[in-house]
């Protein structure tokens, strides 16, 4: 049985606030049509727009890595480079704990 993700499920989205010249990432609130700002003061980095898009894609990228890992195991090729990369991404996304 697969453990439920500990992160807020997607889809996450990003948007630009012209008034403040800020990029934001928002997350769905469970059981509501409301959204929650991940970084209320906007993304504070040198590459704000690119970072906002990458953060918003995180749940999809994690799901992709988990699917690659599942297929590697299914095809009995756990040492394959793609499986190793997927495992590393999953490990990092889970805060360094083994999935």
PDB file of N, CA and C in Angstrom:
ATOM      1  N   UNK A   1       0.841  -1.188   0.000  1.00  0.00           N
ATOM      2  CA  UNK A   1       0.000   0.000   0.000  1.00  0.00           C
ATOM      3  C   UNK A   1       0.887   1.253   0.000  1.00  0.00           C
ATOM      4  N   UNK A   2       0.562   2.207  -0.836  1.00  0.00           N
ATOM      5  CA  UNK A   2       1.342   3.432  -0.941  1.00  0.00           C
ATOM      6  C   UNK A   2       0.896   4.432   0.109  1.00  0.00           C
ATOM      7  N   UNK A   3       1.868   5.009   0.801  1.00  0.00           N
ATOM      8  CA  UNK A   3       1.569   6.018   1.812  1.00  0.00           C
ATOM      9  C   UNK A   3       1.109   7.299   1.132  1.00  0.00           C
ATOM     10  N   UNK A   4       0.115   7.965   1.702  1.00  0.00           N
ATOM     11  CA  UNK A   4      -0.385   9.224   1.144  1.00  0.00           C
ATOM     12  C   UNK A   4       0.707  10.282   1.216  1.00  0.00           C
ATOM     13  N   UNK A   5       0.759  11.161   0.207  1.00  0.00           N
ATOM     14  CA  UNK A   5       1.791  12.207   0.238  1.00  0.00           C
ATOM     15  C   UNK A   5       1.611  13.117   1.439  1.00  0.00           C
ATOM     16  N   UNK A   6       2.726  13.618   1.948  1.00  0.00           N
ATOM     17  CA  UNK A   6       2.678  14.509   3.096  1.00  0.00           C
ATOM     18  C   UNK A   6       2.533  15.965   2.660  1.00  0.00           C
ATOM     19  N   UNK A   7       2.773  16.225   1.365  1.00  0.00           N
ATOM     20  CA  UNK A   7       2.645  17.593   0.862  1.00  0.00           C
ATOM     21  C   UNK A   7       1.191  17.887   0.482  1.00  0.00           C
ATOM     22  N   UNK A   8       0.897  19.157   0.297  1.00  0.00           N
ATOM     23  CA  UNK A   8      -0.426  19.548  -0.173  1.00  0.00           C
ATOM     24  C   UNK A   8      -0.577  19.071  -1.606  1.00  0.00           C
ATOM     25  N   UNK A   9      -1.617  18.298  -1.899  1.00  0.00           N
ATOM     26  CA  UNK A   9      -1.763  17.791  -3.263  1.00  0.00           C
ATOM     27  C   UNK A   9      -1.989  18.929  -4.262  1.00  0.00           C
ATOM     28  N   UNK A  10      -1.614  18.678  -5.509  1.00  0.00           N
ATOM     29  CA  UNK A  10      -1.806  19.667  -6.572  1.00  0.00           C
ATOM     30  C   UNK A  10      -3.237  19.689  -7.039  1.00  0.00           C
ATOM     31  N   UNK A  11      -3.537  20.439  -8.039  1.00  0.00           N
ATOM     32  CA  UNK A  11      -2.546  21.202  -8.794  1.00  0.00           C
ATOM     33  C   UNK A  11      -2.178  22.506  -8.087  1.00  0.00           C
ATOM     34  N   UNK A  12      -0.903  22.816  -8.144  1.00  0.00           N
ATOM     35  CA  UNK A  12      -0.419  24.101  -7.657  1.00  0.00           C
ATOM     36  C   UNK A  12      -0.373  25.035  -8.858  1.00  0.00           C
ATOM     37  N   UNK A  13      -0.470  26.319  -8.629  1.00  0.00           N
ATOM     38  CA  UNK A  13      -0.409  27.266  -9.749  1.00  0.00           C
ATOM     39  C   UNK A  13       0.454  28.458  -9.359  1.00  0.00           C
ATOM     40  N   UNK A  14       0.915  29.167 -10.366  1.00  0.00           N
ATOM     41  CA  UNK A  14       1.690  30.374 -10.099  1.00  0.00           C
ATOM     42  C   UNK A  14       1.093  31.520 -10.898  1.00  0.00           C
ATOM     43  N   UNK A  15       1.291  32.714 -10.379  1.00  0.00           N
ATOM     44  CA  UNK A  15       0.726  33.892 -11.042  1.00  0.00           C
ATOM     45  C   UNK A  15       1.540  35.122 -10.657  1.00  0.00           C
ATOM     46  N   UNK A  16       1.436  36.115 -11.478  1.00  0.00           N
ATOM     47  CA  UNK A  16       2.170  37.366 -11.283  1.00  0.00           C
ATOM     48  C   UNK A  16       1.225  38.424 -10.740  1.00  0.00           C
ATOM     49  N   UNK A  17       1.634  39.142  -9.699  1.00  0.00           N
ATOM     50  CA  UNK A  17       0.866  40.265  -9.157  1.00  0.00           C
ATOM     51  C   UNK A  17       1.520  41.553  -9.639  1.00  0.00           C
ATOM     52  N   UNK A  18       0.903  42.174 -10.641  1.00  0.00           N
ATOM     53  CA  UNK A  18       1.459  43.400 -11.223  1.00  0.00           C
ATOM     54  C   UNK A  18       1.611  44.511 -10.182  1.00  0.00           C
ATOM     55  N   UNK A  19       0.612  44.637  -9.325  1.00  0.00           N
ATOM     56  CA  UNK A  19       0.612  45.713  -8.336  1.00  0.00           C
ATOM     57  C   UNK A  19       1.874  45.706  -7.470  1.00  0.00           C
ATOM     58  N   UNK A  20       2.370  44.509  -7.147  1.00  0.00           N
ATOM     59  CA  UNK A  20       3.520  44.380  -6.254  1.00  0.00           C
ATOM     60  C   UNK A  20       4.797  43.917  -6.971  1.00  0.00           C
ATOM     61  N   UNK A  21       4.692  43.646  -8.277  1.00  0.00           N
ATOM     62  CA  UNK A  21       5.810  43.115  -9.048  1.00  0.00           C
ATOM     63  C   UNK A  21       6.356  41.854  -8.373  1.00  0.00           C
ATOM     64  N   UNK A  22       5.435  40.891  -8.102  1.00  0.00           N
ATOM     65  CA  UNK A  22       5.799  39.665  -7.405  1.00  0.00           C
ATOM     66  C   UNK A  22       5.212  38.447  -8.111  1.00  0.00           C
ATOM     67  N   UNK A  23       5.930  37.344  -8.065  1.00  0.00           N
ATOM     68  CA  UNK A  23       5.427  36.052  -8.512  1.00  0.00           C
ATOM     69  C   UNK A  23       5.014  35.262  -7.286  1.00  0.00           C
ATOM     70  N   UNK A  24       3.857  34.621  -7.355  1.00  0.00           N
ATOM     71  CA  UNK A  24       3.303  33.849  -6.245  1.00  0.00           C
ATOM     72  C   UNK A  24       2.970  32.435  -6.689  1.00  0.00           C
ATOM     73  N   UNK A  25       2.980  31.516  -5.727  1.00  0.00           N
ATOM     74  CA  UNK A  25       2.535  30.147  -5.947  1.00  0.00           C
ATOM     75  C   UNK A  25       1.372  29.915  -5.007  1.00  0.00           C
ATOM     76  N   UNK A  26       0.282  29.340  -5.537  1.00  0.00           N
ATOM     77  CA  UNK A  26      -0.868  29.071  -4.680  1.00  0.00           C
ATOM     78  C   UNK A  26      -1.183  27.578  -4.680  1.00  0.00           C
ATOM     79  N   UNK A  27      -1.738  27.131  -3.558  1.00  0.00           N
ATOM     80  CA  UNK A  27      -2.075  25.734  -3.344  1.00  0.00           C
ATOM     81  C   UNK A  27      -3.565  25.625  -3.061  1.00  0.00           C
ATOM     82  N   UNK A  28      -4.192  24.526  -3.471  1.00  0.00           N
ATOM     83  CA  UNK A  28      -5.606  24.359  -3.147  1.00  0.00           C
ATOM     84  C   UNK A  28      -5.785  24.089  -1.650  1.00  0.00           C
ATOM     85  N   UNK A  29      -6.887  24.548  -1.103  1.00  0.00           N
ATOM     86  CA  UNK A  29      -7.229  24.247   0.288  1.00  0.00           C
ATOM     87  C   UNK A  29      -8.211  23.078   0.242  1.00  0.00           C
ATOM     88  N   UNK A  30      -7.889  21.995   0.922  1.00  0.00           N
ATOM     89  CA  UNK A  30      -8.718  20.796   0.909  1.00  0.00           C
ATOM     90  C   UNK A  30     -10.166  21.113   1.279  1.00  0.00           C
ATOM     91  N   UNK A  31     -11.075  20.641   0.449  1.00  0.00           N
ATOM     92  CA  UNK A  31     -12.499  20.817   0.717  1.00  0.00           C
ATOM     93  C   UNK A  31     -13.020  22.213   0.436  1.00  0.00           C
ATOM     94  N   UNK A  32     -12.270  23.028  -0.294  1.00  0.00           N
ATOM     95  CA  UNK A  32     -12.677  24.402  -0.564  1.00  0.00           C
ATOM     96  C   UNK A  32     -12.232  24.807  -1.963  1.00  0.00           C
ATOM     97  N   UNK A  33     -12.885  25.802  -2.515  1.00  0.00           N
ATOM     98  CA  UNK A  33     -12.458  26.328  -3.809  1.00  0.00           C
ATOM     99  C   UNK A  33     -11.410  27.429  -3.616  1.00  0.00           C
ATOM    100  N   UNK A  34     -11.101  27.729  -2.358  1.00  0.00           N
ATOM    101  CA  UNK A  34     -10.116  28.767  -2.039  1.00  0.00           C
ATOM    102  C   UNK A  34      -8.699  28.259  -2.308  1.00  0.00           C
ATOM    103  N   UNK A  35      -7.793  29.203  -2.480  1.00  0.00           N
ATOM    104  CA  UNK A  35      -6.380  28.886  -2.673  1.00  0.00           C
ATOM    105  C   UNK A  35      -5.585  29.488  -1.519  1.00  0.00           C
ATOM    106  N   UNK A  36      -4.454  28.895  -1.227  1.00  0.00           N
ATOM    107  CA  UNK A  36      -3.575  29.345  -0.161  1.00  0.00           C
ATOM    108  C   UNK A  36      -2.244  29.741  -0.780  1.00  0.00           C
ATOM    109  N   UNK A  37      -1.731  30.908  -0.445  1.00  0.00           N
ATOM    110  CA  UNK A  37      -0.440  31.348  -0.973  1.00  0.00           C
ATOM    111  C   UNK A  37       0.674  30.573  -0.292  1.00  0.00           C
ATOM    112  N   UNK A  38       1.552  29.972  -1.090  1.00  0.00           N
ATOM    113  CA  UNK A  38       2.686  29.246  -0.526  1.00  0.00           C
ATOM    114  C   UNK A  38       3.701  30.220   0.061  1.00  0.00           C
ATOM    115  N   UNK A  39       3.970  31.299  -0.646  1.00  0.00           N
ATOM    116  CA  UNK A  39       4.887  32.348  -0.191  1.00  0.00           C
ATOM    117  C   UNK A  39       4.109  33.665  -0.214  1.00  0.00           C
ATOM    118  N   UNK A  40       3.475  34.043   0.883  1.00  0.00           N
ATOM    119  CA  UNK A  40       2.609  35.223   0.901  1.00  0.00           C
ATOM    120  C   UNK A  40       3.272  36.514   0.402  1.00  0.00           C
ATOM    121  N   UNK A  41       4.584  36.643   0.580  1.00  0.00           N
ATOM    122  CA  UNK A  41       5.283  37.844   0.119  1.00  0.00           C
ATOM    123  C   UNK A  41       5.899  37.657  -1.256  1.00  0.00           C
ATOM    124  N   UNK A  42       5.482  36.619  -1.964  1.00  0.00           N
ATOM    125  CA  UNK A  42       6.021  36.356  -3.292  1.00  0.00           C
ATOM    126  C   UNK A  42       7.316  35.565  -3.227  1.00  0.00           C
ATOM    127  N   UNK A  43       7.736  35.072  -4.375  1.00  0.00           N
ATOM    128  CA  UNK A  43       8.981  34.319  -4.480  1.00  0.00           C
ATOM    129  C   UNK A  43      10.128  35.317  -4.398  1.00  0.00           C
ATOM    130  N   UNK A  44      11.003  35.119  -3.445  1.00  0.00           N
ATOM    131  CA  UNK A  44      12.124  36.040  -3.216  1.00  0.00           C
ATOM    132  C   UNK A  44      13.417  35.401  -3.700  1.00  0.00           C
ATOM    133  N   UNK A  45      13.619  35.417  -5.003  1.00  0.00           N
ATOM    134  CA  UNK A  45      14.844  34.853  -5.569  1.00  0.00           C
ATOM    135  C   UNK A  45      15.249  35.677  -6.782  1.00  0.00           C
ATOM    136  N   UNK A  46      16.395  35.378  -7.300  1.00  0.00           N
ATOM    137  CA  UNK A  46      16.904  36.115  -8.455  1.00  0.00           C
ATOM    138  C   UNK A  46      16.090  35.811  -9.708  1.00  0.00           C
ATOM    139  N   UNK A  47      15.589  34.593  -9.816  1.00  0.00           N
ATOM    140  CA  UNK A  47      14.825  34.146 -10.985  1.00  0.00           C
ATOM    141  C   UNK A  47      13.389  33.841 -10.577  1.00  0.00           C
ATOM    142  N   UNK A  48      12.700  34.860 -10.134  1.00  0.00           N
ATOM    143  CA  UNK A  48      11.384  34.691  -9.515  1.00  0.00           C
ATOM    144  C   UNK A  48      10.377  33.955 -10.392  1.00  0.00           C
ATOM    145  N   UNK A  49      10.246  34.352 -11.650  1.00  0.00           N
ATOM    146  CA  UNK A  49       9.250  33.724 -12.517  1.00  0.00           C
ATOM    147  C   UNK A  49       9.571  32.249 -12.751  1.00  0.00           C
ATOM    148  N   UNK A  50      10.806  31.956 -13.115  1.00  0.00           N
ATOM    149  CA  UNK A  50      11.202  30.570 -13.370  1.00  0.00           C
ATOM    150  C   UNK A  50      11.051  29.724 -12.104  1.00  0.00           C
ATOM    151  N   UNK A  51      11.438  30.272 -10.958  1.00  0.00           N
ATOM    152  CA  UNK A  51      11.322  29.536  -9.698  1.00  0.00           C
ATOM    153  C   UNK A  51       9.860  29.292  -9.339  1.00  0.00           C
ATOM    154  N   UNK A  52       8.996  30.265  -9.590  1.00  0.00           N
ATOM    155  CA  UNK A  52       7.563  30.097  -9.310  1.00  0.00           C
ATOM    156  C   UNK A  52       6.980  28.972 -10.159  1.00  0.00           C
ATOM    157  N   UNK A  53       7.347  28.922 -11.435  1.00  0.00           N
ATOM    158  CA  UNK A  53       6.850  27.854 -12.312  1.00  0.00           C
ATOM    159  C   UNK A  53       7.365  26.486 -11.853  1.00  0.00           C
ATOM    160  N   UNK A  54       8.635  26.420 -11.460  1.00  0.00           N
ATOM    161  CA  UNK A  54       9.212  25.158 -10.990  1.00  0.00           C
ATOM    162  C   UNK A  54       8.545  24.691  -9.702  1.00  0.00           C
ATOM    163  N   UNK A  55       8.332  25.605  -8.767  1.00  0.00           N
ATOM    164  CA  UNK A  55       7.661  25.247  -7.510  1.00  0.00           C
ATOM    165  C   UNK A  55       6.244  24.760  -7.782  1.00  0.00           C
ATOM    166  N   UNK A  56       5.526  25.450  -8.665  1.00  0.00           N
ATOM    167  CA  UNK A  56       4.149  25.058  -8.986  1.00  0.00           C
ATOM    168  C   UNK A  56       4.100  23.680  -9.646  1.00  0.00           C
ATOM    169  N   UNK A  57       5.145  23.299 -10.358  1.00  0.00           N
ATOM    170  CA  UNK A  57       5.195  21.998 -11.030  1.00  0.00           C
ATOM    171  C   UNK A  57       5.640  20.864 -10.106  1.00  0.00           C
ATOM    172  N   UNK A  58       6.065  21.171  -8.893  1.00  0.00           N
ATOM    173  CA  UNK A  58       6.634  20.173  -7.984  1.00  0.00           C
ATOM    174  C   UNK A  58       5.752  18.935  -7.783  1.00  0.00           C
ATOM    175  N   UNK A  59       4.449  19.061  -7.524  1.00  0.00           N
ATOM    176  CA  UNK A  59       3.643  17.843  -7.340  1.00  0.00           C
ATOM    177  C   UNK A  59       3.631  16.955  -8.590  1.00  0.00           C
ATOM    178  N   UNK A  60       3.593  17.570  -9.771  1.00  0.00           N
ATOM    179  CA  UNK A  60       3.598  16.799 -11.014  1.00  0.00           C
ATOM    180  C   UNK A  60       4.946  16.116 -11.233  1.00  0.00           C
ATOM    181  N   UNK A  61       6.029  16.822 -10.924  1.00  0.00           N
ATOM    182  CA  UNK A  61       7.360  16.245 -11.079  1.00  0.00           C
ATOM    183  C   UNK A  61       7.568  15.080 -10.115  1.00  0.00           C
ATOM    184  N   UNK A  62       7.065  15.206  -8.895  1.00  0.00           N
ATOM    185  CA  UNK A  62       7.161  14.113  -7.929  1.00  0.00           C
ATOM    186  C   UNK A  62       6.354  12.908  -8.416  1.00  0.00           C
ATOM    187  N   UNK A  63       5.160  13.137  -8.923  1.00  0.00           N
ATOM    188  CA  UNK A  63       4.334  12.040  -9.438  1.00  0.00           C
ATOM    189  C   UNK A  63       5.044  11.335 -10.601  1.00  0.00           C
ATOM    190  N   UNK A  64       5.700  12.103 -11.452  1.00  0.00           N
ATOM    191  CA  UNK A  64       6.445  11.529 -12.570  1.00  0.00           C
ATOM    192  C   UNK A  64       7.593  10.659 -12.062  1.00  0.00           C
ATOM    193  N   UNK A  65       8.358  11.159 -11.095  1.00  0.00           N
ATOM    194  CA  UNK A  65       9.472  10.392 -10.535  1.00  0.00           C
ATOM    195  C   UNK A  65       8.966   9.104  -9.891  1.00  0.00           C
ATOM    196  N   UNK A  66       7.837   9.172  -9.203  1.00  0.00           N
ATOM    197  CA  UNK A  66       7.268   7.976  -8.574  1.00  0.00           C
ATOM    198  C   UNK A  66       6.828   6.960  -9.620  1.00  0.00           C
ATOM    199  N   UNK A  67       6.298   7.436 -10.742  1.00  0.00           N
ATOM    200  CA  UNK A  67       5.887   6.528 -11.825  1.00  0.00           C
ATOM    201  C   UNK A  67       7.107   5.880 -12.481  1.00  0.00           C
ATOM    202  N   UNK A  68       8.177   6.647 -12.700  1.00  0.00           N
ATOM    203  CA  UNK A  68       9.416   6.087 -13.252  1.00  0.00           C
ATOM    204  C   UNK A  68       9.938   5.004 -12.310  1.00  0.00           C
ATOM    205  N   UNK A  69       9.965   5.302 -11.030  1.00  0.00           N
ATOM    206  CA  UNK A  69      10.438   4.333 -10.025  1.00  0.00           C
ATOM    207  C   UNK A  69       9.578   3.069 -10.048  1.00  0.00           C
ATOM    208  N   UNK A  70       8.262   3.244 -10.101  1.00  0.00           N
ATOM    209  CA  UNK A  70       7.344   2.094 -10.118  1.00  0.00           C
ATOM    210  C   UNK A  70       7.602   1.214 -11.340  1.00  0.00           C
ATOM    211  N   UNK A  71       7.790   1.843 -12.484  1.00  0.00           N
ATOM    212  CA  UNK A  71       8.027   1.071 -13.714  1.00  0.00           C
ATOM    213  C   UNK A  71       9.387   0.393 -13.706  1.00  0.00           C
ATOM    214  N   UNK A  72      10.395   1.041 -13.115  1.00  0.00           N
ATOM    215  CA  UNK A  72      11.714   0.411 -13.003  1.00  0.00           C
ATOM    216  C   UNK A  72      11.622  -0.851 -12.157  1.00  0.00           C
ATOM    217  N   UNK A  73      10.901  -0.774 -11.064  1.00  0.00           N
ATOM    218  CA  UNK A  73      10.729  -1.933 -10.184  1.00  0.00           C
ATOM    219  C   UNK A  73       9.939  -3.018 -10.904  1.00  0.00           C
ATOM    220  N   UNK A  74       8.887  -2.605 -11.602  1.00  0.00           N
ATOM    221  CA  UNK A  74       8.038  -3.533 -12.348  1.00  0.00           C
ATOM    222  C   UNK A  74       8.842  -4.279 -13.418  1.00  0.00           C
ATOM    223  N   UNK A  75       9.791  -3.586 -14.050  1.00  0.00           N
ATOM    224  CA  UNK A  75      10.601  -4.194 -15.108  1.00  0.00           C
ATOM    225  C   UNK A  75      11.895  -4.791 -14.562  1.00  0.00           C
ATOM    226  N   UNK A  76      12.013  -4.876 -13.238  1.00  0.00           N
ATOM    227  CA  UNK A  76      13.165  -5.466 -12.556  1.00  0.00           C
ATOM    228  C   UNK A  76      14.492  -4.860 -13.020  1.00  0.00           C
ATOM    229  N   UNK A  77      14.543  -3.516 -13.019  1.00  0.00           N
ATOM    230  CA  UNK A  77      15.773  -2.821 -13.363  1.00  0.00           C
ATOM    231  C   UNK A  77      16.050  -1.689 -12.381  1.00  0.00           C
ATOM    232  N   UNK A  78      16.089  -2.011 -11.068  1.00  0.00           N
ATOM    233  CA  UNK A  78      16.262  -0.969 -10.057  1.00  0.00           C
ATOM    234  C   UNK A  78      17.590  -0.221 -10.127  1.00  0.00           C
ATOM    235  N   UNK A  79      18.619  -0.802 -10.740  1.00  0.00           N
ATOM    236  CA  UNK A  79      19.914  -0.133 -10.816  1.00  0.00           C
ATOM    237  C   UNK A  79      20.063   0.757 -12.043  1.00  0.00           C
ATOM    238  N   UNK A  80      19.049   0.806 -12.885  1.00  0.00           N
ATOM    239  CA  UNK A  80      19.116   1.627 -14.100  1.00  0.00           C
ATOM    240  C   UNK A  80      19.264   3.099 -13.725  1.00  0.00           C
ATOM    241  N   UNK A  81      19.980   3.862 -14.550  1.00  0.00           N
ATOM    242  CA  UNK A  81      20.249   5.275 -14.271  1.00  0.00           C
ATOM    243  C   UNK A  81      18.958   6.079 -14.050  1.00  0.00           C
ATOM    244  N   UNK A  82      17.915   5.824 -14.843  1.00  0.00           N
ATOM    245  CA  UNK A  82      16.655   6.558 -14.671  1.00  0.00           C
ATOM    246  C   UNK A  82      16.020   6.251 -13.319  1.00  0.00           C
ATOM    247  N   UNK A  83      16.101   4.997 -12.898  1.00  0.00           N
ATOM    248  CA  UNK A  83      15.535   4.622 -11.597  1.00  0.00           C
ATOM    249  C   UNK A  83      16.324   5.281 -10.473  1.00  0.00           C
ATOM    250  N   UNK A  84      17.636   5.335 -10.608  1.00  0.00           N
ATOM    251  CA  UNK A  84      18.486   5.979  -9.602  1.00  0.00           C
ATOM    252  C   UNK A  84      18.161   7.467  -9.499  1.00  0.00           C
ATOM    253  N   UNK A  85      17.980   8.136 -10.646  1.00  0.00           N
ATOM    254  CA  UNK A  85      17.616   9.555 -10.648  1.00  0.00           C
ATOM    255  C   UNK A  85      16.236   9.767 -10.025  1.00  0.00           C
ATOM    256  N   UNK A  86      15.295   8.900 -10.350  1.00  0.00           N
ATOM    257  CA  UNK A  86      13.947   9.008  -9.787  1.00  0.00           C
ATOM    258  C   UNK A  86      13.982   8.815  -8.283  1.00  0.00           C
ATOM    259  N   UNK A  87      14.728   7.805  -7.820  1.00  0.00           N
ATOM    260  CA  UNK A  87      14.855   7.550  -6.377  1.00  0.00           C
ATOM    261  C   UNK A  87      15.432   8.769  -5.661  1.00  0.00           C
ATOM    262  N   UNK A  88      16.467   9.378  -6.259  1.00  0.00           N
ATOM    263  CA  UNK A  88      17.091  10.547  -5.635  1.00  0.00           C
ATOM    264  C   UNK A  88      16.106  11.707  -5.543  1.00  0.00           C
ATOM    265  N   UNK A  89      15.313  11.920  -6.587  1.00  0.00           N
ATOM    266  CA  UNK A  89      14.324  13.003  -6.581  1.00  0.00           C
ATOM    267  C   UNK A  89      13.246  12.751  -5.530  1.00  0.00           C
ATOM    268  N   UNK A  90      12.782  11.516  -5.444  1.00  0.00           N
ATOM    269  CA  UNK A  90      11.758  11.163  -4.453  1.00  0.00           C
ATOM    270  C   UNK A  90      12.314  11.330  -3.044  1.00  0.00           C
ATOM    271  N   UNK A  91      13.530  10.866  -2.842  1.00  0.00           N
ATOM    272  CA  UNK A  91      14.175  10.988  -1.532  1.00  0.00           C
ATOM    273  C   UNK A  91      14.271  12.454  -1.119  1.00  0.00           C
ATOM    274  N   UNK A  92      14.713  13.293  -2.029  1.00  0.00           N
ATOM    275  CA  UNK A  92      14.841  14.732  -1.727  1.00  0.00           C
ATOM    276  C   UNK A  92      13.470  15.358  -1.472  1.00  0.00           C
ATOM    277  N   UNK A  93      12.474  15.006  -2.274  1.00  0.00           N
ATOM    278  CA  UNK A  93      11.134  15.567  -2.101  1.00  0.00           C
ATOM    279  C   UNK A  93      10.524  15.149  -0.764  1.00  0.00           C
ATOM    280  N   UNK A  94      10.926  13.999  -0.265  1.00  0.00           N
ATOM    281  CA  UNK A  94      10.410  13.523   1.019  1.00  0.00           C
ATOM    282  C   UNK A  94      11.276  13.944   2.198  1.00  0.00           C
ATOM    283  N   UNK A  95      12.142  14.929   1.980  1.00  0.00           N
ATOM    284  CA  UNK A  95      12.956  15.442   3.078  1.00  0.00           C
ATOM    285  C   UNK A  95      14.100  14.541   3.470  1.00  0.00           C
ATOM    286  N   UNK A  96      14.537  13.692   2.533  1.00  0.00           N
ATOM    287  CA  UNK A  96      15.668  12.828   2.810  1.00  0.00           C
ATOM    288  C   UNK A  96      15.288  11.490   3.393  1.00  0.00           C
ATOM    289  N   UNK A  97      14.000  11.213   3.520  1.00  0.00           N
ATOM    290  CA  UNK A  97      13.574   9.928   4.052  1.00  0.00           C
ATOM    291  C   UNK A  97      13.252   8.982   2.907  1.00  0.00           C
ATOM    292  N   UNK A  98      13.489   7.715   3.115  1.00  0.00           N
ATOM    293  CA  UNK A  98      13.257   6.713   2.084  1.00  0.00           C
ATOM    294  C   UNK A  98      11.757   6.571   1.836  1.00  0.00           C
ATOM    295  N   UNK A  99      11.359   6.590   0.547  1.00  0.00           N
ATOM    296  CA  UNK A  99       9.916   6.452   0.244  1.00  0.00           C
ATOM    297  C   UNK A  99       9.412   5.049   0.567  1.00  0.00           C
TER     298      UNK A  99
END
